Protein backbone atom coordinates (compact mmCIF):
# COMPACT_ATOMS: atom_id res chain seq x y z
CA MET A 1 0.00 0.00 0.00
CA VAL A 2 1.20 3.51 -0.79
CA GLU A 3 1.39 6.00 2.05
CA PRO A 4 -1.46 8.55 1.86
CA LEU A 5 0.61 11.27 3.48
CA ILE A 6 4.29 12.03 3.74
CA VAL A 7 5.77 13.02 7.10
CA HIS A 8 9.05 14.92 7.00
CA PRO A 9 10.74 13.81 10.25
CA ALA A 10 13.28 16.64 10.28
CA SER A 11 10.45 19.19 10.23
CA CYS A 12 8.35 17.57 12.98
CA LYS A 13 8.94 19.48 16.23
CA ASP A 14 7.01 17.20 18.61
CA CYS A 15 4.13 19.64 19.20
CA HIS A 16 1.41 16.93 19.10
CA LYS A 17 -1.09 19.23 17.38
CA CYS A 18 -1.75 16.66 14.63
CA LEU A 19 -2.32 13.94 17.24
CA ARG A 20 -4.97 16.03 18.97
CA GLU A 21 -6.61 17.07 15.70
CA CYS A 22 -6.92 13.58 14.15
CA GLY A 23 -10.48 12.42 14.86
CA VAL A 24 -9.87 8.81 13.84
CA GLY A 25 -6.58 8.19 15.67
CA ALA A 26 -4.58 7.68 12.49
CA ILE A 27 -1.38 9.25 13.78
CA GLY A 28 1.14 7.29 15.79
CA PHE A 29 3.92 8.74 17.92
CA LYS A 30 7.23 7.15 18.91
CA ASP A 31 10.77 8.40 19.48
CA ASN A 32 9.63 12.05 19.18
CA GLN A 33 8.26 11.51 15.67
CA VAL A 34 4.81 10.98 14.23
CA TRP A 35 3.73 8.63 11.47
CA ILE A 36 0.48 7.96 9.65
CA ILE A 37 -1.39 4.75 10.48
CA GLU A 38 -2.50 3.91 6.95
CA ASP A 39 -5.32 1.54 7.94
CA LYS A 40 -7.04 4.27 9.97
CA CYS A 41 -6.39 7.36 7.81
CA ILE A 42 -9.49 8.75 6.07
CA TYR A 43 -7.54 11.39 4.08
CA CYS A 44 -9.29 14.34 5.71
CA GLY A 45 -6.17 16.54 5.71
CA ASN A 46 -6.63 17.88 9.24
CA CYS A 47 -3.08 16.92 10.20
CA ILE A 48 -1.72 18.83 7.21
CA LYS A 49 -3.74 21.96 8.02
CA THR A 50 -2.88 21.79 11.72
CA CYS A 51 0.88 21.27 11.47
CA PRO A 52 2.63 24.62 12.12
CA GLN A 53 5.94 23.30 10.75
CA GLY A 54 4.55 21.95 7.49
CA ALA A 55 5.95 18.51 8.35
CA LYS A 56 3.17 16.67 6.53
CA GLU A 57 2.06 16.76 2.93
CA ALA A 58 -0.42 14.84 0.85
CA LEU A 59 0.91 12.33 -1.61
CA PHE A 60 -0.78 13.15 -4.88
CA GLU A 61 -0.12 11.17 -8.02
CA LYS A 62 -1.84 13.62 -10.33
CA LYS A 63 0.67 13.22 -13.15
CA LYS A 64 0.43 9.44 -13.01
CA VAL A 65 -3.39 9.58 -13.18
CA GLU A 66 -3.29 12.07 -16.04
CA SER A 67 -0.93 9.78 -17.98
CA PHE A 68 -3.44 6.92 -17.71
CA LEU A 69 -6.23 9.14 -18.99
């Protein structure tokens, strides 16, 4: 399975805002870093909007989809 979101570990500053904002509990935390729990993620984007460091981004494959069309 392809990750729905990319987390940039160097940018994550351990603020826990994304953990509090995720309504489905799709963010894990260990060793001062977060990661996306793929099986739980509903792709709402709240963690991206909430992160003050911009440590998360959506993984879009727009060019790949356009090439198939």
